Amino acid sequence: MPLIPEEPQIHESAQGPRVTPAAGRSAQTPRPVPGPRPAAVPRPGRPGPGPARPTPPAQRSHTSAAPTPPPLPTTPAGPQIQLVPAPADGALDAAGEAVDLLLDTGRAPGDILVLTTGDPHPWAAHELSFGADAYWAQHDARDDVFYAAAADAERASARPVVVVAANADADTAIRGLPLALARAEALLIVCGDPQHINAALGAGV
């Protein structure tokens, strides 16, 4: 029977020789051809290989950065002033509490001068009993809180913080405040009657 042209016969010889695997051995899977290794995938939480991390940009200069906020306002007349309301008979205790707070917040003892407008502080009275020279020598050493009468403030040197105990009548307290203000370099704390203190300092504190 003649062959149909649309279905040409393909002889086995055209397929090439067959390779029959040996008995007991399976045909080996062809190995892939070695080539470039893919880049390692970074593990979570660990930086993988690759380009170095860029260096953080340098800080911008003030000319290109946003304008900086203005500094906090300061008291034009000098130190900052704080008022601790207290009656005359309680001013000494209020001053003691103010000193304790200053020391607890890191202020050095030698930075603090305590002035009394009325009766002297018990420490000052005790030290003066050994003589004025020994008393003022401790002032000059500047290694501890020093207590003095406001009337002696002219002899006392300026310190960063001055605490005033207004433990006298109003007129006496008012006379002692200007000297105390002149000795305070950074902070003046006044323990006393707010009305009289405001009148003496000429500002609402």
N, C-alpha and C. Protein backbone atom coordinates (compact mmCIF):
# COMPACT_ATOMS: atom_id res chain seq x y z
N MET A 1 0.87 -1.20 0.00
CA MET A 1 0.00 0.00 0.00
C MET A 1 0.88 1.21 0.00
N PRO A 2 0.65 2.15 -0.90
CA PRO A 2 1.53 3.34 -0.98
C PRO A 2 1.38 4.24 0.25
N LEU A 3 2.49 4.95 0.61
CA LEU A 3 2.48 5.86 1.77
C LEU A 3 1.71 7.13 1.44
N ILE A 4 1.01 7.65 2.50
CA ILE A 4 0.28 8.91 2.31
C ILE A 4 1.25 10.06 2.51
N PRO A 5 1.29 11.03 1.58
CA PRO A 5 2.29 12.12 1.70
C PRO A 5 2.11 12.94 2.97
N GLU A 6 0.85 13.13 3.46
CA GLU A 6 0.66 13.97 4.63
C GLU A 6 1.22 13.33 5.88
N GLU A 7 1.46 12.05 5.89
CA GLU A 7 1.97 11.37 7.08
C GLU A 7 3.27 10.66 6.72
N PRO A 8 4.34 11.39 6.58
CA PRO A 8 5.61 10.76 6.19
C PRO A 8 6.06 9.82 7.27
N GLN A 9 6.62 8.69 6.86
CA GLN A 9 7.09 7.69 7.82
C GLN A 9 8.48 8.06 8.28
N ILE A 10 8.67 7.94 9.58
CA ILE A 10 9.96 8.27 10.18
C ILE A 10 10.59 6.99 10.60
N HIS A 11 11.76 6.70 10.08
CA HIS A 11 12.47 5.47 10.41
C HIS A 11 13.18 5.62 11.73
N GLU A 12 13.35 4.52 12.41
CA GLU A 12 14.02 4.55 13.70
C GLU A 12 15.44 5.02 13.59
N SER A 13 16.04 4.76 12.46
CA SER A 13 17.44 5.17 12.31
C SER A 13 17.57 6.68 12.35
N ALA A 14 16.51 7.45 12.08
CA ALA A 14 16.60 8.92 12.11
C ALA A 14 16.66 9.48 13.51
N GLN A 15 16.19 8.68 14.47
CA GLN A 15 16.20 9.17 15.84
C GLN A 15 17.56 9.05 16.50
N GLY A 16 18.50 8.41 15.90
CA GLY A 16 19.82 8.25 16.47
C GLY A 16 19.87 7.02 17.32
N PRO A 17 21.06 6.63 17.68
CA PRO A 17 21.19 5.41 18.49
C PRO A 17 20.65 5.61 19.88
N ARG A 18 20.00 4.59 20.39
CA ARG A 18 19.48 4.64 21.75
C ARG A 18 20.54 4.16 22.73
N VAL A 19 20.55 4.80 23.92
CA VAL A 19 21.50 4.39 24.96
C VAL A 19 20.70 3.74 26.04
N THR A 20 20.96 2.49 26.24
CA THR A 20 20.22 1.73 27.25
C THR A 20 21.04 1.70 28.51
N PRO A 21 20.51 2.14 29.68
CA PRO A 21 21.30 2.13 30.92
C PRO A 21 21.64 0.73 31.29
N ALA A 22 22.81 0.60 31.93
CA ALA A 22 23.26 -0.72 32.35
C ALA A 22 22.31 -1.25 33.39
N ALA A 23 22.29 -2.55 33.47
CA ALA A 23 21.39 -3.19 34.43
C ALA A 23 21.80 -2.83 35.85
N GLY A 24 20.83 -2.48 36.68
CA GLY A 24 21.11 -2.14 38.08
C GLY A 24 21.54 -0.72 38.31
N ARG A 25 21.67 0.09 37.31
CA ARG A 25 22.09 1.50 37.47
C ARG A 25 21.06 2.40 36.81
N SER A 26 20.68 3.39 37.53
CA SER A 26 19.72 4.34 36.97
C SER A 26 20.45 5.37 36.15
N ALA A 27 19.74 5.97 35.27
CA ALA A 27 20.36 6.98 34.42
C ALA A 27 20.70 8.20 35.25
N GLN A 28 21.89 8.72 35.08
CA GLN A 28 22.33 9.89 35.84
C GLN A 28 21.71 11.16 35.27
N THR A 29 21.30 11.99 36.21
CA THR A 29 20.77 13.30 35.78
C THR A 29 21.93 14.18 35.37
N PRO A 30 21.85 14.80 34.24
CA PRO A 30 22.99 15.66 33.82
C PRO A 30 23.20 16.80 34.80
N ARG A 31 24.46 16.99 35.16
CA ARG A 31 24.81 18.07 36.10
C ARG A 31 24.77 19.41 35.41
N PRO A 32 24.36 20.43 36.16
CA PRO A 32 24.35 21.77 35.53
C PRO A 32 25.77 22.26 35.30
N VAL A 33 25.88 23.04 34.32
CA VAL A 33 27.19 23.62 33.99
C VAL A 33 27.53 24.69 35.01
N PRO A 34 28.74 24.61 35.61
CA PRO A 34 29.09 25.66 36.60
C PRO A 34 29.04 27.03 35.98
N GLY A 35 28.58 27.97 36.77
CA GLY A 35 28.49 29.34 36.30
C GLY A 35 28.62 30.31 37.46
N PRO A 36 28.38 31.58 37.27
CA PRO A 36 28.48 32.56 38.38
C PRO A 36 27.46 32.26 39.46
N ARG A 37 27.90 32.31 40.74
CA ARG A 37 27.01 32.04 41.87
C ARG A 37 26.10 33.22 42.11
N PRO A 38 24.84 32.97 42.43
CA PRO A 38 23.93 34.11 42.71
C PRO A 38 24.34 34.81 44.00
N ALA A 39 24.00 36.05 44.09
CA ALA A 39 24.32 36.82 45.30
C ALA A 39 23.60 36.23 46.49
N ALA A 40 24.31 36.22 47.62
CA ALA A 40 23.71 35.65 48.83
C ALA A 40 22.54 36.50 49.30
N VAL A 41 21.52 35.82 49.74
CA VAL A 41 20.34 36.53 50.24
C VAL A 41 20.57 36.90 51.70
N PRO A 42 20.48 38.16 52.08
CA PRO A 42 20.73 38.54 53.48
C PRO A 42 19.72 37.91 54.41
N ARG A 43 20.21 37.47 55.56
CA ARG A 43 19.33 36.90 56.57
C ARG A 43 18.65 38.01 57.34
N PRO A 44 17.45 37.74 57.87
CA PRO A 44 16.75 38.79 58.63
C PRO A 44 17.58 39.27 59.82
N GLY A 45 17.70 40.56 59.89
CA GLY A 45 18.43 41.14 61.01
C GLY A 45 19.93 41.22 60.80
N ARG A 46 20.42 40.73 59.68
CA ARG A 46 21.86 40.78 59.42
C ARG A 46 22.08 41.44 58.08
N PRO A 47 23.02 42.33 57.99
CA PRO A 47 23.30 42.97 56.69
C PRO A 47 23.95 41.98 55.75
N GLY A 48 23.50 41.90 54.54
CA GLY A 48 24.06 40.99 53.56
C GLY A 48 25.18 41.66 52.78
N PRO A 49 25.85 40.87 51.95
CA PRO A 49 26.91 41.47 51.13
C PRO A 49 26.34 42.44 50.14
N GLY A 50 27.11 43.36 49.80
CA GLY A 50 26.66 44.37 48.87
C GLY A 50 27.43 45.65 49.09
N PRO A 51 27.01 46.71 48.49
CA PRO A 51 27.74 47.98 48.67
C PRO A 51 27.70 48.44 50.11
N ALA A 52 28.78 49.13 50.52
CA ALA A 52 28.87 49.61 51.90
C ALA A 52 27.77 50.60 52.19
N ARG A 53 27.34 50.60 53.46
CA ARG A 53 26.27 51.51 53.86
C ARG A 53 26.75 52.96 53.71
N PRO A 54 25.95 53.81 53.10
CA PRO A 54 26.42 55.20 52.90
C PRO A 54 26.67 55.90 54.22
N THR A 55 27.66 56.76 54.22
CA THR A 55 28.00 57.53 55.42
C THR A 55 26.91 58.56 55.68
N PRO A 56 26.48 58.70 56.95
CA PRO A 56 25.44 59.70 57.23
C PRO A 56 25.87 61.08 56.77
N PRO A 57 24.94 61.84 56.26
CA PRO A 57 25.32 63.18 55.79
C PRO A 57 25.75 64.05 56.94
N ALA A 58 26.67 64.93 56.64
CA ALA A 58 27.15 65.86 57.66
C ALA A 58 26.04 66.82 58.06
N GLN A 59 26.17 67.34 59.28
CA GLN A 59 25.17 68.28 59.76
C GLN A 59 25.16 69.53 58.91
N ARG A 60 23.98 70.02 58.71
CA ARG A 60 23.85 71.22 57.90
C ARG A 60 24.34 72.43 58.67
N SER A 61 24.87 73.33 57.92
CA SER A 61 25.29 74.57 58.56
C SER A 61 24.07 75.41 58.87
N HIS A 62 24.27 76.37 59.76
CA HIS A 62 23.14 77.21 60.17
C HIS A 62 22.60 78.02 59.02
N THR A 63 23.40 78.21 57.97
CA THR A 63 22.92 79.02 56.85
C THR A 63 21.89 78.27 56.03
N SER A 64 22.06 76.92 55.94
CA SER A 64 21.11 76.16 55.14
C SER A 64 20.02 75.51 55.96
N ALA A 65 20.24 75.39 57.28
CA ALA A 65 19.24 74.74 58.13
C ALA A 65 18.14 75.72 58.49
N ALA A 66 17.11 75.16 59.10
CA ALA A 66 16.00 76.01 59.54
C ALA A 66 16.49 76.94 60.66
N PRO A 67 15.94 78.12 60.76
CA PRO A 67 16.41 79.05 61.78
C PRO A 67 16.25 78.47 63.17
N THR A 68 17.27 78.64 63.99
CA THR A 68 17.23 78.14 65.36
C THR A 68 16.35 79.04 66.22
N PRO A 69 15.69 78.46 67.24
CA PRO A 69 14.83 79.30 68.08
C PRO A 69 15.66 80.29 68.89
N PRO A 70 15.11 81.41 69.21
CA PRO A 70 15.86 82.41 69.99
C PRO A 70 16.12 81.90 71.39
N PRO A 71 17.18 82.38 72.05
CA PRO A 71 17.47 81.95 73.41
C PRO A 71 16.37 82.40 74.37
N LEU A 72 16.30 81.68 75.48
CA LEU A 72 15.31 82.02 76.49
C LEU A 72 15.57 83.42 77.03
N PRO A 73 14.54 84.18 77.29
CA PRO A 73 14.76 85.52 77.82
C PRO A 73 15.37 85.47 79.21
N THR A 74 16.20 86.43 79.50
CA THR A 74 16.82 86.55 80.81
C THR A 74 16.37 87.85 81.46
N THR A 75 16.58 87.92 82.76
CA THR A 75 16.20 89.13 83.47
C THR A 75 17.17 90.24 83.12
N PRO A 76 16.70 91.37 82.56
CA PRO A 76 17.62 92.42 82.14
C PRO A 76 18.45 92.95 83.30
N ALA A 77 17.86 93.02 84.49
CA ALA A 77 18.58 93.62 85.62
C ALA A 77 19.64 92.71 86.19
N GLY A 78 19.69 91.43 85.81
CA GLY A 78 20.70 90.54 86.34
C GLY A 78 20.19 89.13 86.53
N PRO A 79 20.23 88.64 87.76
CA PRO A 79 19.90 87.23 87.99
C PRO A 79 18.40 86.95 87.89
N GLN A 80 18.10 85.68 87.75
CA GLN A 80 16.70 85.26 87.82
C GLN A 80 16.23 85.37 89.27
N ILE A 81 14.97 85.72 89.44
CA ILE A 81 14.43 85.93 90.79
C ILE A 81 13.29 84.96 91.03
N GLN A 82 13.34 84.26 92.16
CA GLN A 82 12.26 83.36 92.55
C GLN A 82 11.76 83.77 93.93
N LEU A 83 10.46 83.68 94.10
CA LEU A 83 9.83 84.05 95.36
C LEU A 83 9.22 82.82 96.01
N VAL A 84 9.52 82.65 97.30
CA VAL A 84 8.92 81.59 98.10
C VAL A 84 8.07 82.27 99.17
N PRO A 85 6.75 82.31 99.00
CA PRO A 85 5.91 82.99 100.00
C PRO A 85 6.06 82.36 101.37
N ALA A 86 6.29 83.19 102.35
CA ALA A 86 6.44 82.70 103.73
C ALA A 86 6.26 83.87 104.67
N PRO A 87 5.66 83.65 105.85
CA PRO A 87 5.58 84.71 106.86
C PRO A 87 6.96 84.96 107.45
N ALA A 88 7.09 86.06 108.14
CA ALA A 88 8.40 86.41 108.70
C ALA A 88 8.92 85.34 109.64
N ASP A 89 8.03 84.76 110.45
CA ASP A 89 8.49 83.75 111.40
C ASP A 89 8.72 82.39 110.76
N GLY A 90 8.38 82.25 109.50
CA GLY A 90 8.63 80.99 108.80
C GLY A 90 9.63 81.13 107.66
N ALA A 91 10.19 82.32 107.49
CA ALA A 91 11.11 82.57 106.37
C ALA A 91 12.40 81.78 106.51
N LEU A 92 12.88 81.63 107.76
CA LEU A 92 14.13 80.90 107.97
C LEU A 92 13.99 79.42 107.58
N ASP A 93 12.86 78.83 107.95
CA ASP A 93 12.62 77.43 107.57
C ASP A 93 12.47 77.29 106.07
N ALA A 94 11.78 78.25 105.44
CA ALA A 94 11.61 78.19 103.99
C ALA A 94 12.95 78.32 103.28
N ALA A 95 13.83 79.16 103.82
CA ALA A 95 15.16 79.30 103.22
C ALA A 95 15.95 78.01 103.36
N GLY A 96 15.82 77.34 104.51
CA GLY A 96 16.50 76.07 104.69
C GLY A 96 16.02 75.02 103.70
N GLU A 97 14.72 74.99 103.44
CA GLU A 97 14.18 74.04 102.47
C GLU A 97 14.68 74.37 101.05
N ALA A 98 14.80 75.66 100.76
CA ALA A 98 15.30 76.05 99.45
C ALA A 98 16.75 75.61 99.26
N VAL A 99 17.55 75.74 100.32
CA VAL A 99 18.94 75.31 100.24
C VAL A 99 19.02 73.80 100.04
N ASP A 100 18.20 73.05 100.77
CA ASP A 100 18.20 71.60 100.61
C ASP A 100 17.84 71.19 99.19
N LEU A 101 16.87 71.88 98.60
CA LEU A 101 16.47 71.58 97.23
C LEU A 101 17.60 71.88 96.25
N LEU A 102 18.30 72.98 96.47
CA LEU A 102 19.42 73.32 95.59
C LEU A 102 20.51 72.26 95.65
N LEU A 103 20.82 71.81 96.84
CA LEU A 103 21.86 70.79 97.00
C LEU A 103 21.42 69.46 96.40
N ASP A 104 20.14 69.13 96.56
CA ASP A 104 19.63 67.87 96.02
C ASP A 104 19.64 67.85 94.49
N THR A 105 19.54 69.00 93.88
CA THR A 105 19.54 69.08 92.42
C THR A 105 20.93 69.30 91.84
N GLY A 106 21.97 69.19 92.67
CA GLY A 106 23.33 69.22 92.15
C GLY A 106 24.08 70.53 92.31
N ARG A 107 23.49 71.51 92.95
CA ARG A 107 24.20 72.76 93.15
C ARG A 107 25.30 72.56 94.21
N ALA A 108 26.49 73.06 93.91
CA ALA A 108 27.61 72.91 94.85
C ALA A 108 27.37 73.77 96.08
N PRO A 109 27.72 73.28 97.28
CA PRO A 109 27.49 74.08 98.50
C PRO A 109 28.18 75.44 98.45
N GLY A 110 29.37 75.50 97.88
CA GLY A 110 30.09 76.77 97.83
C GLY A 110 29.47 77.80 96.91
N ASP A 111 28.45 77.39 96.15
CA ASP A 111 27.77 78.35 95.25
C ASP A 111 26.66 79.12 95.95
N ILE A 112 26.37 78.78 97.21
CA ILE A 112 25.16 79.30 97.85
C ILE A 112 25.52 80.22 99.02
N LEU A 113 24.90 81.39 99.03
CA LEU A 113 25.00 82.34 100.12
C LEU A 113 23.60 82.58 100.68
N VAL A 114 23.44 82.45 101.98
CA VAL A 114 22.15 82.66 102.63
C VAL A 114 22.24 83.91 103.49
N LEU A 115 21.31 84.83 103.24
CA LEU A 115 21.27 86.09 104.01
C LEU A 115 19.97 86.15 104.80
N THR A 116 20.07 86.64 106.03
CA THR A 116 18.89 86.83 106.88
C THR A 116 18.72 88.31 107.15
N THR A 117 17.48 88.78 107.05
CA THR A 117 17.22 90.20 107.29
C THR A 117 16.94 90.49 108.77
N GLY A 118 16.66 89.45 109.53
CA GLY A 118 16.38 89.63 110.97
C GLY A 118 17.40 88.90 111.82
N ASP A 119 16.93 88.04 112.70
CA ASP A 119 17.84 87.28 113.56
C ASP A 119 18.77 86.43 112.70
N PRO A 120 20.02 86.25 113.13
CA PRO A 120 20.97 85.47 112.33
C PRO A 120 20.58 84.00 112.29
N HIS A 121 21.04 83.33 111.30
CA HIS A 121 20.84 81.88 111.20
C HIS A 121 21.59 81.21 112.36
N PRO A 122 21.06 80.14 112.92
CA PRO A 122 21.73 79.47 114.05
C PRO A 122 23.17 79.08 113.74
N TRP A 123 23.46 78.69 112.50
CA TRP A 123 24.84 78.34 112.16
C TRP A 123 25.74 79.56 112.26
N ALA A 124 25.26 80.69 111.73
CA ALA A 124 26.07 81.90 111.78
C ALA A 124 26.30 82.33 113.23
N ALA A 125 25.28 82.26 114.05
CA ALA A 125 25.43 82.63 115.45
C ALA A 125 26.45 81.73 116.14
N HIS A 126 26.44 80.47 115.84
CA HIS A 126 27.39 79.54 116.45
C HIS A 126 28.81 79.81 115.99
N GLU A 127 29.01 80.02 114.73
CA GLU A 127 30.36 80.24 114.21
C GLU A 127 30.93 81.58 114.66
N LEU A 128 30.08 82.58 114.78
CA LEU A 128 30.56 83.89 115.25
C LEU A 128 31.02 83.83 116.70
N SER A 129 30.55 82.83 117.43
CA SER A 129 31.00 82.71 118.82
C SER A 129 32.48 82.36 118.93
N PHE A 130 33.07 81.90 117.86
CA PHE A 130 34.51 81.59 117.83
C PHE A 130 35.34 82.75 117.31
N GLY A 131 34.69 83.86 116.99
CA GLY A 131 35.41 85.03 116.51
C GLY A 131 35.09 85.34 115.06
N ALA A 132 35.11 86.64 114.74
CA ALA A 132 34.77 87.07 113.38
C ALA A 132 35.79 86.60 112.36
N ASP A 133 37.08 86.54 112.76
CA ASP A 133 38.10 86.14 111.78
C ASP A 133 37.88 84.71 111.31
N ALA A 134 37.64 83.81 112.25
CA ALA A 134 37.40 82.41 111.86
C ALA A 134 36.12 82.28 111.06
N TYR A 135 35.13 83.09 111.42
CA TYR A 135 33.84 83.05 110.72
C TYR A 135 34.02 83.46 109.25
N TRP A 136 34.68 84.59 109.00
CA TRP A 136 34.84 85.07 107.64
C TRP A 136 35.87 84.26 106.85
N ALA A 137 36.74 83.56 107.56
CA ALA A 137 37.68 82.67 106.86
C ALA A 137 36.91 81.54 106.16
N GLN A 138 35.85 81.09 106.79
CA GLN A 138 35.03 80.06 106.14
C GLN A 138 34.33 80.62 104.91
N HIS A 139 33.95 81.89 104.97
CA HIS A 139 33.36 82.53 103.81
C HIS A 139 34.35 82.57 102.66
N ASP A 140 35.61 82.93 102.96
CA ASP A 140 36.61 83.05 101.90
C ASP A 140 36.99 81.69 101.32
N ALA A 141 36.85 80.63 102.10
CA ALA A 141 37.18 79.29 101.61
C ALA A 141 36.21 78.84 100.52
N ARG A 142 34.98 79.27 100.58
CA ARG A 142 33.97 78.96 99.56
C ARG A 142 33.80 77.46 99.34
N ASP A 143 33.88 76.69 100.40
CA ASP A 143 33.70 75.26 100.25
C ASP A 143 32.41 74.75 100.89
N ASP A 144 31.55 75.66 101.34
CA ASP A 144 30.29 75.25 101.94
C ASP A 144 29.30 76.40 101.85
N VAL A 145 28.04 76.09 102.15
CA VAL A 145 27.02 77.13 102.22
C VAL A 145 27.42 78.12 103.32
N PHE A 146 27.30 79.40 103.02
CA PHE A 146 27.67 80.41 104.02
C PHE A 146 26.44 81.21 104.39
N TYR A 147 26.27 81.43 105.72
CA TYR A 147 25.12 82.17 106.26
C TYR A 147 25.62 83.47 106.85
N ALA A 148 24.94 84.55 106.49
CA ALA A 148 25.34 85.87 107.01
C ALA A 148 24.11 86.74 107.14
N ALA A 149 24.28 87.83 107.86
CA ALA A 149 23.21 88.82 107.99
C ALA A 149 23.18 89.69 106.75
N ALA A 150 21.99 90.08 106.35
CA ALA A 150 21.87 90.94 105.17
C ALA A 150 22.62 92.25 105.36
N ALA A 151 22.75 92.70 106.62
CA ALA A 151 23.49 93.94 106.88
C ALA A 151 24.97 93.78 106.56
N ASP A 152 25.47 92.54 106.55
CA ASP A 152 26.88 92.29 106.24
C ASP A 152 27.08 91.84 104.80
N ALA A 153 26.06 92.01 103.97
CA ALA A 153 26.15 91.54 102.60
C ALA A 153 27.23 92.26 101.81
N GLU A 154 27.57 93.50 102.20
CA GLU A 154 28.61 94.22 101.48
C GLU A 154 29.95 93.53 101.63
N ARG A 155 30.16 92.89 102.76
CA ARG A 155 31.43 92.19 102.98
C ARG A 155 31.45 90.83 102.28
N ALA A 156 30.31 90.26 102.06
CA ALA A 156 30.23 88.95 101.40
C ALA A 156 30.47 89.10 99.90
N SER A 157 31.18 88.14 99.35
CA SER A 157 31.42 88.15 97.91
C SER A 157 30.23 87.55 97.17
N ALA A 158 30.16 87.86 95.89
CA ALA A 158 29.05 87.36 95.07
C ALA A 158 29.16 85.85 94.90
N ARG A 159 28.00 85.21 94.82
CA ARG A 159 27.94 83.77 94.57
C ARG A 159 26.84 83.50 93.54
N PRO A 160 26.90 82.36 92.87
CA PRO A 160 25.88 82.09 91.84
C PRO A 160 24.45 82.14 92.37
N VAL A 161 24.23 81.68 93.61
CA VAL A 161 22.87 81.65 94.16
C VAL A 161 22.88 82.33 95.52
N VAL A 162 21.93 83.23 95.72
CA VAL A 162 21.73 83.89 97.01
C VAL A 162 20.31 83.61 97.46
N VAL A 163 20.17 83.11 98.69
CA VAL A 163 18.87 82.84 99.29
C VAL A 163 18.67 83.82 100.42
N VAL A 164 17.55 84.53 100.41
CA VAL A 164 17.26 85.53 101.43
C VAL A 164 16.10 85.04 102.29
N ALA A 165 16.31 85.04 103.58
CA ALA A 165 15.23 84.77 104.53
C ALA A 165 14.77 86.10 105.09
N ALA A 166 13.61 86.58 104.63
CA ALA A 166 13.07 87.87 105.10
C ALA A 166 12.36 87.64 106.43
N ASN A 167 13.17 87.43 107.48
CA ASN A 167 12.63 87.06 108.79
C ASN A 167 12.58 88.25 109.74
N ALA A 168 12.43 89.45 109.18
CA ALA A 168 12.30 90.65 110.00
C ALA A 168 11.05 91.40 109.56
N ASP A 169 10.86 92.57 110.12
CA ASP A 169 9.72 93.39 109.70
C ASP A 169 9.92 93.83 108.25
N ALA A 170 8.85 94.32 107.67
CA ALA A 170 8.87 94.63 106.25
C ALA A 170 9.92 95.66 105.89
N ASP A 171 10.04 96.72 106.67
CA ASP A 171 10.99 97.77 106.34
C ASP A 171 12.42 97.25 106.35
N THR A 172 12.77 96.44 107.33
CA THR A 172 14.12 95.89 107.40
C THR A 172 14.38 94.94 106.24
N ALA A 173 13.38 94.14 105.90
CA ALA A 173 13.54 93.21 104.79
C ALA A 173 13.74 93.95 103.48
N ILE A 174 13.01 95.04 103.29
CA ILE A 174 13.13 95.80 102.05
C ILE A 174 14.52 96.39 101.92
N ARG A 175 15.09 96.86 103.01
CA ARG A 175 16.43 97.46 102.95
C ARG A 175 17.49 96.42 102.61
N GLY A 176 17.29 95.16 102.98
CA GLY A 176 18.31 94.16 102.72
C GLY A 176 18.26 93.54 101.33
N LEU A 177 17.14 93.67 100.64
CA LEU A 177 17.01 93.01 99.35
C LEU A 177 17.92 93.56 98.25
N PRO A 178 18.10 94.88 98.12
CA PRO A 178 18.99 95.37 97.05
C PRO A 178 20.41 94.83 97.17
N LEU A 179 20.95 94.73 98.40
CA LEU A 179 22.29 94.18 98.58
C LEU A 179 22.32 92.69 98.20
N ALA A 180 21.27 91.98 98.56
CA ALA A 180 21.20 90.56 98.20
C ALA A 180 21.16 90.38 96.69
N LEU A 181 20.40 91.24 96.02
CA LEU A 181 20.30 91.17 94.57
C LEU A 181 21.66 91.43 93.92
N ALA A 182 22.43 92.35 94.50
CA ALA A 182 23.73 92.68 93.94
C ALA A 182 24.74 91.54 94.11
N ARG A 183 24.51 90.64 95.07
CA ARG A 183 25.45 89.54 95.32
C ARG A 183 25.08 88.27 94.55
N ALA A 184 23.91 88.23 93.97
CA ALA A 184 23.47 87.03 93.23
C ALA A 184 23.93 87.12 91.78
N GLU A 185 24.66 86.12 91.34
CA GLU A 185 25.16 86.11 89.97
C GLU A 185 24.18 85.47 89.00
N ALA A 186 23.47 84.44 89.43
CA ALA A 186 22.56 83.73 88.52
C ALA A 186 21.14 83.62 89.06
N LEU A 187 20.98 83.46 90.38
CA LEU A 187 19.65 83.19 90.92
C LEU A 187 19.52 83.82 92.30
N LEU A 188 18.41 84.51 92.51
CA LEU A 188 18.08 85.08 93.81
C LEU A 188 16.76 84.47 94.26
N ILE A 189 16.78 83.81 95.40
CA ILE A 189 15.57 83.22 95.97
C ILE A 189 15.23 83.99 97.24
N VAL A 190 14.03 84.53 97.29
CA VAL A 190 13.60 85.34 98.43
C VAL A 190 12.44 84.64 99.12
N CYS A 191 12.59 84.36 100.40
CA CYS A 191 11.55 83.72 101.20
C CYS A 191 10.95 84.77 102.13
N GLY A 192 9.72 85.15 101.85
CA GLY A 192 9.10 86.20 102.65
C GLY A 192 7.75 86.59 102.12
N ASP A 193 7.29 87.77 102.53
CA ASP A 193 5.98 88.27 102.13
C ASP A 193 6.03 88.76 100.68
N PRO A 194 5.22 88.20 99.78
CA PRO A 194 5.31 88.59 98.36
C PRO A 194 5.06 90.06 98.12
N GLN A 195 4.13 90.69 98.83
CA GLN A 195 3.81 92.09 98.58
C GLN A 195 5.01 92.99 98.86
N HIS A 196 5.66 92.78 99.98
CA HIS A 196 6.80 93.62 100.32
C HIS A 196 8.01 93.33 99.43
N ILE A 197 8.16 92.08 99.04
CA ILE A 197 9.28 91.73 98.18
C ILE A 197 9.11 92.37 96.81
N ASN A 198 7.90 92.32 96.27
CA ASN A 198 7.66 92.95 94.96
C ASN A 198 7.93 94.44 95.02
N ALA A 199 7.54 95.07 96.10
CA ALA A 199 7.76 96.51 96.23
C ALA A 199 9.25 96.83 96.31
N ALA A 200 10.00 95.97 96.98
CA ALA A 200 11.42 96.23 97.15
C ALA A 200 12.19 96.03 95.85
N LEU A 201 11.84 95.02 95.11
CA LEU A 201 12.58 94.71 93.89
C LEU A 201 12.06 95.48 92.68
N GLY A 202 10.87 96.05 92.82
CA GLY A 202 10.35 96.85 91.73
C GLY A 202 9.90 96.03 90.53
N ALA A 203 9.58 94.73 90.77
CA ALA A 203 9.10 93.87 89.68
C ALA A 203 8.24 92.77 90.26
N GLY A 204 7.31 92.29 89.50
CA GLY A 204 6.48 91.18 89.95
C GLY A 204 7.23 89.88 89.83
N VAL A 205 7.55 89.24 90.91
CA VAL A 205 8.28 87.98 90.87
C VAL A 205 7.44 86.89 91.52
